[in-house]
């Protein structure tokens, strides 16, 4: 090794090596941006100095209540200040943050309490009945409940539990944070949606979250002091890590309890919001907002969209309203987005329809990823010919540590030296990935594979369609045929044949839906359509 050996005095030292953690961002921001607005919710506004002090009080209060390094602290909170503060305050006392989906059923929340071994749960007043019922259903004692009241949303404290602000007031704003000694230490625990069987507990480390925040700044082309509207639930991949990222830029997190067109337009027009992330359902909400909800604004709003491939027709419409949309893709297991559709200036001359189709691609790897690509069943790279399908796999720093207490599932997910997404895609000659479908969502009709995403994109281009989902319906002759579930825009009339004719004009006959069902689509809290419910329903027709 010669002069490169450690004996030459080139080893790691306190001066030249610090474990990577997003906690460092807020520690820096309190000094660099002390008087900049950090957190906004209605009448509540906190500077970075105040934000840091409140986070320190939370960490101190949790420590006083017996929380030790490695313990789990859960939350059942919408996108409110307390949820943002927990992202820093829980790990600042050495604990692991477990943000739980507020729309889960009692049994699943009880399972998560037990499986994650949560010691405390911070719970919004609206969801106290869920937390209480889940605690009662736990195999053990379940977590201690701390109530997070929200009087301005008509959820005053019930008085049944210690209240968050009172708990904070008992904490020390000068509490010395417990920074990780190893960047591989667990930072947060996120449970998958669990549409088949029990949800799996995905464990994030400090290193991955730190690098996720850095990669996002680059990919979103961000500058200092953005104003970010928290639409993606902070219980979903920790809000794609955006709350951890904002202090890097001295940005402002605008909390949003209820996602409505009025709330979005008001935040943009009155507060000057510059960035937000959201599923395609949020884009539809904006495009189809009533005139009463719309407000004029004179700046471009940057939007990350993910959760499902957006319809090109939706992208074409929203960009005329002042929004620039970037398609991203990822999973709970990858801290959120790990691919982006990077715009190429050569595409500037394309037609609007062509641009929308290009923007609907899932794209290429984020900077913090080593690679994201498509492989066949033998883990070999597929030809990048816009048609050969395979599974999306990825390797890089924004990949989970593994599944909690489930080494078999972890080993299976990491087989071949990368993470297997379960998503089916093809690649373009420029390496950009485009999702064909989830493996379980592909429709096989007469031996031919039909991409539900492709059929949905065509149906979404019909002017009467607000949302749609296409699933397999059993068929005696063909095995499976496409069945479309459609939500119409207000005032539109149900006309199944018109939609079938619209699809047939653009698709091969075997890809055309054989049945159209008009109804509200079941959705997760993040706006994903729950196709497993629709597949069950289609079997009954």
Protein backbone atom coordinates (compact mmCIF):
# COMPACT_ATOMS: atom_id res chain seq x y z
CA UNK A 1 0.00 0.00 0.00
CA UNK A 2 2.98 2.35 0.53
CA UNK A 3 2.06 5.93 1.43
CA UNK A 4 -1.66 5.10 1.09
CA UNK A 5 -1.63 2.88 4.18
CA UNK A 6 -3.20 3.98 7.44
CA UNK A 7 0.21 3.87 9.04
CA UNK A 8 1.05 6.99 7.05
CA UNK A 9 -1.39 9.01 9.16
CA UNK A 10 -4.22 9.12 6.65
CA UNK A 11 -6.84 7.42 8.80
CA UNK A 12 -10.30 8.75 9.61
CA UNK A 13 -10.35 11.32 12.38
CA UNK A 14 -12.92 13.52 14.09
CA UNK A 15 -11.75 16.42 11.92
CA UNK A 16 -12.20 14.68 8.56
CA UNK A 17 -14.99 12.17 8.97
CA UNK A 18 -18.54 12.72 10.22
CA UNK A 19 -21.29 10.12 9.75
CA UNK A 20 -23.80 11.38 7.21
CA UNK A 21 -27.21 12.24 8.67
CA UNK A 22 -30.04 14.62 7.71
CA UNK A 23 -29.94 15.88 11.30
CA UNK A 24 -26.89 17.90 10.26
CA UNK A 25 -29.06 19.96 7.90
CA UNK A 26 -31.22 21.43 10.66
CA UNK A 27 -28.22 21.95 12.94
CA UNK A 28 -26.64 24.03 10.19
CA UNK A 29 -29.85 25.89 9.29
CA UNK A 30 -30.37 27.22 12.82
CA UNK A 31 -27.05 29.05 12.41
CA UNK A 32 -27.12 29.95 8.71
CA UNK A 33 -30.85 30.75 8.40
CA UNK A 34 -31.98 31.52 11.99
CA UNK A 35 -34.62 34.07 11.01
CA UNK A 36 -35.82 32.45 7.79
CA UNK A 37 -39.28 30.91 7.85
CA UNK A 38 -38.95 27.15 8.24
CA UNK A 39 -42.42 25.80 8.98
CA UNK A 40 -45.87 27.22 8.21
CA UNK A 41 -49.33 25.95 9.06
CA UNK A 42 -52.17 28.44 9.00
CA UNK A 43 -51.49 31.00 11.69
CA UNK A 44 -48.50 29.06 13.03
CA UNK A 45 -45.13 30.14 11.63
CA UNK A 46 -41.72 29.11 12.94
CA UNK A 47 -38.26 30.38 12.00
CA UNK A 48 -35.33 28.00 11.80
CA UNK A 49 -34.18 29.09 15.25
CA UNK A 50 -37.63 28.28 16.64
CA UNK A 51 -37.88 25.05 14.63
CA UNK A 52 -34.57 23.80 16.00
CA UNK A 53 -35.56 24.73 19.55
CA UNK A 54 -38.89 22.89 19.27
CA UNK A 55 -37.19 19.83 17.82
CA UNK A 56 -34.70 19.91 20.70
CA UNK A 57 -37.55 20.15 23.20
CA UNK A 58 -39.21 17.12 21.58
CA UNK A 59 -36.00 15.10 21.72
CA UNK A 60 -35.50 16.11 25.35
CA UNK A 61 -39.10 15.28 26.29
CA UNK A 62 -38.89 11.86 24.66
CA UNK A 63 -35.61 11.20 26.50
CA UNK A 64 -37.28 12.22 29.77
CA UNK A 65 -40.07 9.71 29.06
CA UNK A 66 -37.56 6.89 28.86
CA UNK A 67 -36.92 6.69 25.14
CA UNK A 68 -33.47 5.18 24.55
CA UNK A 69 -31.34 4.98 21.39
CA UNK A 70 -32.79 2.35 19.06
CA UNK A 71 -36.32 2.59 20.51
CA UNK A 72 -39.17 3.21 18.07
CA UNK A 73 -41.43 6.25 18.30
CA UNK A 74 -44.49 6.11 16.04
CA UNK A 75 -46.75 8.85 14.68
CA UNK A 76 -50.33 8.98 13.41
CA UNK A 77 -50.39 12.54 12.14
CA UNK A 78 -51.35 14.32 8.90
CA UNK A 79 -48.89 16.77 7.31
CA UNK A 80 -48.72 19.10 10.31
CA UNK A 81 -45.82 20.81 12.13
CA UNK A 82 -45.63 18.03 14.72
CA UNK A 83 -45.06 15.46 11.97
CA UNK A 84 -42.23 17.54 10.49
CA UNK A 85 -40.74 18.12 13.95
CA UNK A 86 -40.85 14.39 14.68
CA UNK A 87 -38.66 13.75 11.63
CA UNK A 88 -35.82 15.53 13.44
CA UNK A 89 -36.82 15.25 17.09
CA UNK A 90 -37.20 11.47 17.22
CA UNK A 91 -33.76 10.64 15.74
CA UNK A 92 -32.22 13.56 17.71
CA UNK A 93 -32.72 11.49 20.85
CA UNK A 94 -31.34 8.39 19.12
CA UNK A 95 -34.71 6.79 18.42
CA UNK A 96 -36.18 5.41 15.18
CA UNK A 97 -39.14 7.20 13.60
CA UNK A 98 -42.13 5.10 12.49
CA UNK A 99 -44.67 7.25 10.61
CA UNK A 100 -47.88 5.23 10.23
CA UNK A 101 -50.49 5.62 7.50
CA UNK A 102 -53.51 7.29 9.11
CA UNK A 103 -55.92 5.45 6.80
CA UNK A 104 -55.02 1.94 7.91
CA UNK A 105 -57.45 -0.31 9.74
CA UNK A 106 -57.20 -1.03 13.45
CA UNK A 107 -55.77 -4.53 13.02
CA UNK A 108 -52.96 -3.36 10.75
CA UNK A 109 -52.01 -0.47 13.04
CA UNK A 110 -51.97 -2.87 16.00
CA UNK A 111 -49.71 -5.20 14.00
CA UNK A 112 -47.35 -2.30 13.24
CA UNK A 113 -47.30 -1.24 16.90
CA UNK A 114 -46.39 -4.80 17.89
CA UNK A 115 -43.98 -5.58 15.06
CA UNK A 116 -42.09 -2.29 15.33
CA UNK A 117 -42.25 -2.37 19.16
CA UNK A 118 -43.21 1.32 19.36
CA UNK A 119 -42.77 2.78 22.85
CA UNK A 120 -44.68 6.03 22.18
CA UNK A 121 -47.10 7.18 19.49
CA UNK A 122 -47.70 10.85 18.72
CA UNK A 123 -51.31 10.90 17.55
CA UNK A 124 -53.44 13.64 15.99
CA UNK A 125 -56.74 14.13 17.81
CA UNK A 126 -58.73 13.03 14.74
CA UNK A 127 -57.05 9.61 14.85
CA UNK A 128 -57.17 8.99 18.60
CA UNK A 129 -59.98 6.40 18.23
CA UNK A 130 -57.76 4.47 15.80
CA UNK A 131 -54.73 4.64 18.11
CA UNK A 132 -56.76 3.65 21.17
CA UNK A 133 -58.40 0.71 19.41
CA UNK A 134 -55.07 -0.44 17.98
CA UNK A 135 -53.37 -0.18 21.37
CA UNK A 136 -56.18 -2.25 22.88
CA UNK A 137 -55.69 -4.87 20.16
CA UNK A 138 -51.92 -5.12 20.69
CA UNK A 139 -50.48 -8.39 21.95
CA UNK A 140 -48.43 -6.43 24.48
CA UNK A 141 -49.11 -3.15 26.26
CA UNK A 142 -48.82 -1.08 23.11
CA UNK A 143 -47.29 2.40 22.96
CA UNK A 144 -47.94 5.34 25.26
CA UNK A 145 -50.21 7.85 23.49
CA UNK A 146 -49.33 11.54 23.26
CA UNK A 147 -52.14 13.60 21.73
CA UNK A 148 -51.37 16.16 19.02
CA UNK A 149 -54.28 18.60 19.03
CA UNK A 150 -55.11 20.81 16.05
CA UNK A 151 -57.56 23.47 17.30
CA UNK A 152 -57.44 25.51 14.08
CA UNK A 153 -58.84 22.49 12.22
CA UNK A 154 -61.50 22.01 14.94
CA UNK A 155 -59.64 19.21 16.70
CA UNK A 156 -59.06 20.60 20.22
CA UNK A 157 -57.38 18.44 22.85
CA UNK A 158 -59.61 15.83 24.46
CA UNK A 159 -57.75 15.86 27.77
CA UNK A 160 -57.50 12.07 27.78
CA UNK A 161 -53.76 12.02 27.12
CA UNK A 162 -50.71 14.24 27.56
CA UNK A 163 -50.90 16.91 24.86
CA UNK A 164 -47.99 17.51 22.46
CA UNK A 165 -47.44 21.21 23.21
CA UNK A 166 -47.46 20.53 26.96
CA UNK A 167 -44.98 17.70 26.47
CA UNK A 168 -42.76 19.99 24.37
CA UNK A 169 -42.88 22.71 27.02
CA UNK A 170 -41.39 20.23 29.47
CA UNK A 171 -38.42 19.64 27.18
CA UNK A 172 -35.09 21.46 27.10
CA UNK A 173 -34.53 23.66 23.99
CA UNK A 174 -30.77 23.33 24.65
CA UNK A 175 -30.90 19.50 24.66
CA UNK A 176 -27.73 18.00 23.17
CA UNK A 177 -28.73 15.93 20.17
CA UNK A 178 -27.57 12.31 20.01
CA UNK A 179 -25.97 12.25 16.58
CA UNK A 180 -25.35 8.82 15.01
CA UNK A 181 -21.96 7.28 15.64
CA UNK A 182 -22.40 5.21 12.49
CA UNK A 183 -24.28 6.49 9.42
CA UNK A 184 -25.66 2.94 8.93
CA UNK A 185 -27.70 3.34 12.13
CA UNK A 186 -31.44 3.03 11.64
CA UNK A 187 -33.21 6.35 11.10
CA UNK A 188 -36.79 5.40 10.29
CA UNK A 189 -39.17 2.49 9.84
CA UNK A 190 -41.78 2.61 7.06
CA UNK A 191 -44.32 -0.10 6.41
CA UNK A 192 -45.29 -1.11 2.89
CA UNK A 193 -48.92 -0.90 1.83
CA UNK A 194 -49.50 -4.57 2.58
CA UNK A 195 -52.06 -5.23 -0.15
CA UNK A 196 -51.17 -8.91 0.01
CA UNK A 197 -50.57 -10.21 3.53
CA UNK A 198 -49.06 -8.22 6.37
CA UNK A 199 -47.06 -5.08 5.52
CA UNK A 200 -43.28 -5.33 5.64
CA UNK A 201 -41.22 -2.98 7.77
CA UNK A 202 -38.70 -1.10 5.62
CA UNK A 203 -35.71 0.25 7.56
CA UNK A 204 -33.87 3.40 6.40
CA UNK A 205 -30.40 4.47 7.52
CA UNK A 206 -29.03 7.98 8.12
CA UNK A 207 -26.62 7.76 5.15
CA UNK A 208 -29.35 6.99 2.64
CA UNK A 209 -31.60 9.82 3.81
CA UNK A 210 -28.73 12.33 3.74
CA UNK A 211 -27.73 11.40 0.20
CA UNK A 212 -31.39 11.37 -0.88
CA UNK A 213 -31.67 15.01 0.20
CA UNK A 214 -28.56 15.94 -1.77
CA UNK A 215 -29.60 14.08 -4.90
CA UNK A 216 -33.05 15.66 -4.87
CA UNK A 217 -31.63 19.19 -4.76
CA UNK A 218 -29.69 18.45 -7.94
CA UNK A 219 -32.46 16.64 -9.78
CA UNK A 220 -35.14 19.20 -8.91
CA UNK A 221 -32.78 21.99 -10.00
CA UNK A 222 -33.39 23.74 -6.67
CA UNK A 223 -32.02 27.06 -5.43
CA UNK A 224 -32.03 28.72 -2.01
CA UNK A 225 -35.26 29.38 -0.13
CA UNK A 226 -37.84 27.30 -1.99
CA UNK A 227 -41.37 27.21 -0.63
CA UNK A 228 -42.47 23.60 -0.47
CA UNK A 229 -46.07 22.44 -0.07
CA UNK A 230 -46.26 19.11 1.78
CA UNK A 231 -48.83 17.16 -0.23
CA UNK A 232 -47.19 13.73 -0.27
CA UNK A 233 -48.04 12.26 3.16
CA UNK A 234 -45.07 12.42 5.49
CA UNK A 235 -45.95 8.86 6.49
CA UNK A 236 -45.21 7.75 2.90
CA UNK A 237 -41.44 7.22 2.44
CA UNK A 238 -41.06 10.05 4.99
CA UNK A 239 -42.59 12.39 2.41
CA UNK A 240 -39.92 11.35 -0.12
CA UNK A 241 -37.39 12.80 2.40
CA UNK A 242 -38.34 16.38 1.46
CA UNK A 243 -38.79 17.52 5.07
CA UNK A 244 -35.25 16.39 5.84
CA UNK A 245 -34.07 18.25 2.73
CA UNK A 246 -35.62 21.69 3.23
CA UNK A 247 -33.10 22.99 5.83
CA UNK A 248 -30.26 22.45 3.32
CA UNK A 249 -31.70 25.32 1.28
CA UNK A 250 -33.24 27.38 4.04
CA UNK A 251 -36.58 26.46 2.51
CA UNK A 252 -40.06 26.66 3.99
CA UNK A 253 -42.31 23.65 4.54
CA UNK A 254 -45.96 24.63 4.13
CA UNK A 255 -48.05 22.04 5.94
CA UNK A 256 -51.32 20.89 4.39
CA UNK A 257 -53.81 18.87 6.43
CA UNK A 258 -56.43 18.31 3.72
CA UNK A 259 -55.41 18.12 0.06
CA UNK A 260 -57.96 20.08 -1.97
CA UNK A 261 -57.73 22.22 -5.13
CA UNK A 262 -58.52 25.29 -3.03
CA UNK A 263 -55.70 24.52 -0.55
CA UNK A 264 -53.21 23.99 -3.37
CA UNK A 265 -54.12 27.12 -5.34
CA UNK A 266 -54.24 29.23 -2.17
CA UNK A 267 -50.77 28.08 -1.11
CA UNK A 268 -49.36 28.88 -4.55
CA UNK A 269 -51.10 32.23 -5.05
CA UNK A 270 -51.02 33.61 -1.48
CA UNK A 271 -47.90 31.98 -0.03
CA UNK A 272 -45.81 31.76 -3.20
CA UNK A 273 -45.30 27.99 -3.04
CA UNK A 274 -42.70 26.95 -5.63
CA UNK A 275 -42.46 23.16 -5.26
CA UNK A 276 -44.58 20.17 -4.36
CA UNK A 277 -44.77 16.46 -5.03
CA UNK A 278 -47.88 14.45 -5.67
CA UNK A 279 -49.42 11.45 -7.36
CA UNK A 280 -51.15 11.83 -10.75
CA UNK A 281 -54.46 12.09 -8.88
CA UNK A 282 -53.24 15.43 -7.51
CA UNK A 283 -52.45 16.61 -11.04
CA UNK A 284 -55.98 15.62 -12.08
CA UNK A 285 -57.36 17.54 -9.12
CA UNK A 286 -55.56 20.68 -10.28
CA UNK A 287 -56.51 20.29 -13.94
CA UNK A 288 -60.18 19.70 -13.11
CA UNK A 289 -60.46 22.23 -10.27
CA UNK A 290 -63.66 24.31 -10.30
CA UNK A 291 -63.27 27.97 -11.22
CA UNK A 292 -64.12 28.91 -7.63
CA UNK A 293 -60.93 27.18 -6.41
CA UNK A 294 -58.54 28.61 -8.98
CA UNK A 295 -56.36 31.61 -8.16
CA UNK A 296 -53.96 33.38 -10.52
CA UNK A 297 -50.19 33.19 -9.97
CA UNK A 298 -47.28 34.44 -12.06
CA UNK A 299 -44.48 31.98 -11.33
CA UNK A 300 -43.75 28.44 -12.49
CA UNK A 301 -44.44 25.74 -9.92
CA UNK A 302 -42.11 22.74 -10.06
CA UNK A 303 -43.86 19.42 -9.50
CA UNK A 304 -42.51 15.93 -8.91
CA UNK A 305 -45.12 13.30 -9.73
CA UNK A 306 -44.93 9.61 -8.89
CA UNK A 307 -47.00 6.73 -7.56
CA UNK A 308 -48.34 5.71 -10.97
CA UNK A 309 -47.39 6.63 -14.52
CA UNK A 310 -49.20 9.91 -15.32
CA UNK A 311 -51.35 10.01 -18.44
CA UNK A 312 -49.76 12.15 -21.19
CA UNK A 313 -53.11 13.93 -21.58
CA UNK A 314 -52.98 15.05 -17.94
CA UNK A 315 -49.40 16.30 -18.34
CA UNK A 316 -50.34 18.27 -21.45
CA UNK A 317 -53.19 20.02 -19.63
CA UNK A 318 -51.43 20.89 -16.38
CA UNK A 319 -48.39 22.46 -18.01
CA UNK A 320 -50.57 25.13 -19.65
CA UNK A 321 -51.62 26.22 -16.13
CA UNK A 322 -48.16 27.21 -14.89
CA UNK A 323 -46.79 23.90 -13.63
CA UNK A 324 -43.61 22.16 -14.81
CA UNK A 325 -43.93 18.44 -14.10
CA UNK A 326 -41.04 16.01 -13.70
CA UNK A 327 -41.88 12.32 -13.61
CA UNK A 328 -40.02 10.43 -10.88
CA UNK A 329 -40.25 6.84 -9.71
CA UNK A 330 -39.40 4.82 -6.65
CA UNK A 331 -40.70 2.65 -3.86
CA UNK A 332 -40.92 2.61 -0.08
CA UNK A 333 -37.80 0.45 -0.18
CA UNK A 334 -35.87 3.21 -1.97
CA UNK A 335 -36.69 6.20 0.28
CA UNK A 336 -39.04 7.43 -2.44
CA UNK A 337 -37.95 8.60 -5.90
CA UNK A 338 -34.78 7.14 -7.42
CA UNK A 339 -35.35 7.80 -11.13
CA UNK A 340 -36.21 11.03 -12.93
CA UNK A 341 -37.19 11.93 -16.45
CA UNK A 342 -34.30 14.25 -17.29
CA UNK A 343 -35.33 16.71 -19.99
CA UNK A 344 -33.17 16.78 -23.12
CA UNK A 345 -33.00 20.10 -24.99
CA UNK A 346 -33.21 18.14 -28.23
CA UNK A 347 -36.85 17.50 -27.30
CA UNK A 348 -37.71 21.20 -27.29
CA UNK A 349 -38.82 21.05 -30.92
CA UNK A 350 -41.26 18.20 -30.30
CA UNK A 351 -45.01 18.71 -30.45
CA UNK A 352 -46.90 19.15 -27.19
CA UNK A 353 -48.27 15.59 -27.42
CA UNK A 354 -44.75 14.26 -28.02
CA UNK A 355 -43.37 16.25 -25.10
CA UNK A 356 -46.09 14.90 -22.80
CA UNK A 357 -45.30 11.33 -23.87
CA UNK A 358 -41.59 11.92 -23.24
CA UNK A 359 -42.33 13.35 -19.78
CA UNK A 360 -44.41 10.30 -18.89
CA UNK A 361 -41.28 8.13 -18.89
CA UNK A 362 -39.76 7.14 -15.56
CA UNK A 363 -36.31 8.08 -16.80
CA UNK A 364 -32.82 7.53 -15.42
CA UNK A 365 -31.16 7.14 -12.04
CA UNK A 366 -30.93 9.95 -9.48
CA UNK A 367 -27.38 11.07 -8.58
CA UNK A 368 -27.27 9.12 -5.31
CA UNK A 369 -27.95 5.84 -7.14
CA UNK A 370 -25.28 3.66 -8.71
CA UNK A 371 -27.65 2.37 -11.36
CA UNK A 372 -31.30 1.72 -12.12
CA UNK A 373 -31.95 -0.58 -15.06
CA UNK A 374 -34.12 -3.36 -16.46
CA UNK A 375 -33.13 -7.03 -16.36
CA UNK A 376 -34.54 -10.36 -17.49
CA UNK A 377 -35.27 -13.36 -15.26
CA UNK A 378 -31.56 -14.29 -15.30
CA UNK A 379 -30.57 -10.82 -14.05
CA UNK A 380 -29.16 -9.89 -17.47
CA UNK A 381 -29.63 -6.45 -19.00
CA UNK A 382 -32.50 -6.41 -21.51
CA UNK A 383 -32.01 -4.83 -24.97
CA UNK A 384 -32.80 -1.11 -24.91
CA UNK A 385 -35.15 -1.34 -27.86
CA UNK A 386 -38.38 0.21 -26.51
CA UNK A 387 -40.10 -3.16 -26.44
CA UNK A 388 -38.21 -5.89 -24.56
CA UNK A 389 -39.68 -6.04 -21.09
CA UNK A 390 -38.05 -6.98 -17.82
CA UNK A 391 -37.95 -6.02 -14.14
CA UNK A 392 -36.67 -2.71 -12.82
CA UNK A 393 -33.74 -3.23 -10.43
CA UNK A 394 -31.55 -0.72 -8.66
CA UNK A 395 -28.36 -0.39 -6.67
CA UNK A 396 -27.25 2.60 -4.67
CA UNK A 397 -27.20 4.49 -1.41
CA UNK A 398 -30.94 5.17 -1.37
CA UNK A 399 -31.89 1.52 -0.91
CA UNK A 400 -33.22 0.26 2.41
CA UNK A 401 -31.19 -1.66 4.97
CA UNK A 402 -33.76 -4.42 4.67
CA UNK A 403 -37.10 -5.63 6.00
CA UNK A 404 -37.42 -5.65 9.79
CA UNK A 405 -37.40 -9.17 11.26
CA UNK A 406 -37.75 -10.70 7.78
CA UNK A 407 -34.35 -11.89 6.49
CA UNK A 408 -35.89 -14.22 3.90
CA UNK A 409 -37.81 -11.38 2.22
CA UNK A 410 -34.71 -9.17 2.43
CA UNK A 411 -32.50 -11.79 0.78
CA UNK A 412 -35.06 -12.37 -1.96
CA UNK A 413 -35.37 -8.63 -2.65
CA UNK A 414 -31.57 -8.26 -2.91
CA UNK A 415 -30.93 -11.36 -5.03
CA UNK A 416 -28.35 -10.74 -7.74
CA UNK A 417 -26.72 -7.78 -6.00
CA UNK A 418 -29.50 -5.24 -6.53
CA UNK A 419 -32.99 -4.48 -5.29
CA UNK A 420 -35.85 -6.07 -7.23
CA UNK A 421 -38.78 -3.67 -7.62
CA UNK A 422 -41.41 -6.03 -9.02
CA UNK A 423 -42.20 -3.41 -11.68
CA UNK A 424 -42.17 -4.40 -15.34
CA UNK A 425 -40.61 -1.95 -17.80
CA UNK A 426 -38.70 -1.54 -21.04
CA UNK A 427 -35.86 0.81 -21.91
CA UNK A 428 -35.40 3.32 -24.70
CA UNK A 429 -32.13 3.52 -26.66
CA UNK A 430 -31.21 6.60 -24.55
CA UNK A 431 -31.45 4.29 -21.46
CA UNK A 432 -34.63 5.95 -20.14
CA UNK A 433 -36.88 3.47 -18.35
CA UNK A 434 -40.60 3.33 -19.03
CA UNK A 435 -42.92 1.29 -16.85
CA UNK A 436 -45.12 -1.20 -18.65
CA UNK A 437 -46.86 -2.42 -15.50
CA UNK A 438 -46.57 -3.96 -12.12
CA UNK A 439 -45.98 -7.66 -12.64
CA UNK A 440 -49.33 -8.44 -11.06
CA UNK A 441 -51.16 -5.83 -13.18
CA UNK A 442 -50.24 -7.16 -16.60
CA UNK A 443 -53.25 -8.62 -18.43
CA UNK A 444 -52.58 -11.79 -20.42
CA UNK A 445 -55.24 -12.21 -23.09
CA UNK A 446 -54.98 -15.12 -25.48
CA UNK A 447 -51.27 -15.39 -24.70
CA UNK A 448 -50.68 -11.69 -25.46
CA UNK A 449 -49.47 -9.32 -22.75
CA UNK A 450 -51.52 -6.14 -22.36
CA UNK A 451 -50.14 -3.21 -20.38
CA UNK A 452 -52.86 -1.73 -18.21
CA UNK A 453 -50.84 1.50 -18.16
CA UNK A 454 -51.05 1.80 -21.96
CA UNK A 455 -54.83 1.28 -22.01
CA UNK A 456 -55.30 3.72 -19.12
CA UNK A 457 -53.29 6.37 -20.96
CA UNK A 458 -55.62 6.13 -23.95
CA UNK A 459 -58.77 6.30 -21.84
CA UNK A 460 -57.43 9.28 -19.91
CA UNK A 461 -57.17 11.20 -23.18
CA UNK A 462 -60.98 11.15 -23.48
CA UNK A 463 -62.37 14.56 -22.42
CA UNK A 464 -65.01 13.03 -20.10
CA UNK A 465 -62.60 10.86 -18.07
CA UNK A 466 -61.28 12.10 -14.74
CA UNK A 467 -59.59 8.89 -13.54
CA UNK A 468 -59.48 5.30 -14.70
CA UNK A 469 -57.95 1.95 -13.89
CA UNK A 470 -57.76 -1.11 -16.11
CA UNK A 471 -57.53 -4.61 -14.66
CA UNK A 472 -57.88 -8.18 -15.82
CA UNK A 473 -61.32 -9.72 -16.00
CA UNK A 474 -61.54 -13.54 -16.29
CA UNK A 475 -62.74 -14.71 -19.69
CA UNK A 476 -63.65 -18.25 -20.79
CA UNK A 477 -62.19 -17.83 -24.27
CA UNK A 478 -59.19 -15.53 -23.82
CA UNK A 479 -58.26 -16.27 -20.21
CA UNK A 480 -58.29 -12.57 -19.35
CA UNK A 481 -59.62 -9.42 -21.01
CA UNK A 482 -59.26 -5.74 -20.05
CA UNK A 483 -61.95 -4.27 -17.80
CA UNK A 484 -61.95 -0.50 -17.29
CA UNK A 485 -63.16 1.24 -14.12
CA UNK A 486 -63.82 4.92 -14.80
CA UNK A 487 -64.48 8.05 -12.76
CA UNK A 488 -66.12 10.68 -14.95
CA UNK A 489 -65.76 14.43 -14.70
CA UNK A 490 -68.66 16.33 -13.16
CA UNK A 491 -71.55 16.59 -15.58
CA UNK A 492 -70.31 13.91 -17.98
CA UNK A 493 -72.72 11.16 -19.00
CA UNK A 494 -72.02 7.46 -18.69
CA UNK A 495 -71.41 6.09 -22.17
CA UNK A 496 -69.42 2.88 -22.10
CA UNK A 497 -69.55 2.33 -25.85
CA UNK A 498 -68.14 5.79 -26.53
CA UNK A 499 -65.10 5.00 -24.35
CA UNK A 500 -64.65 1.58 -25.96
CA UNK A 501 -64.80 3.18 -29.43
CA UNK A 502 -62.30 5.84 -28.31
CA UNK A 503 -59.88 3.11 -27.17
CA UNK A 504 -60.40 0.96 -30.27
CA UNK A 505 -59.43 3.91 -32.48
CA UNK A 506 -55.99 3.99 -30.87
CA UNK A 507 -55.30 0.44 -29.71
CA UNK A 508 -55.17 -3.06 -31.13
CA UNK A 509 -58.49 -4.84 -30.79
CA UNK A 510 -57.30 -7.27 -28.11
CA UNK A 511 -56.13 -4.33 -25.95
CA UNK A 512 -59.50 -2.57 -26.07
CA UNK A 513 -61.54 -2.80 -22.84
CA UNK A 514 -64.34 -5.33 -23.12
CA UNK A 515 -66.26 -3.79 -20.24
CA UNK A 516 -66.44 -0.30 -18.74
CA UNK A 517 -67.64 0.20 -15.16
CA UNK A 518 -68.46 3.70 -13.88
CA UNK A 519 -67.70 4.21 -10.17
CA UNK A 520 -65.44 6.02 -7.74
CA UNK A 521 -62.06 4.31 -7.67
CA UNK A 522 -60.68 3.01 -4.36
CA UNK A 523 -57.46 4.83 -3.48
CA UNK A 524 -54.71 4.75 -0.90
CA UNK A 525 -53.91 7.83 1.15
CA UNK A 526 -51.15 8.70 -1.32
CA UNK A 527 -53.53 8.64 -4.27
CA UNK A 528 -52.62 5.25 -5.67
CA UNK A 529 -55.54 3.35 -7.11
CA UNK A 530 -56.06 0.06 -5.26
CA UNK A 531 -56.22 -2.29 -8.20
CA UNK A 532 -56.39 -5.38 -6.04
CA UNK A 533 -59.91 -4.33 -5.01
CA UNK A 534 -60.89 -3.76 -8.62
CA UNK A 535 -59.50 -7.13 -9.69
CA UNK A 536 -61.67 -8.79 -7.06
CA UNK A 537 -64.68 -6.82 -8.29
CA UNK A 538 -64.00 -7.66 -11.94
CA UNK A 539 -64.14 -11.37 -11.11
CA UNK A 540 -67.74 -10.95 -9.94
CA UNK A 541 -69.06 -9.60 -13.25
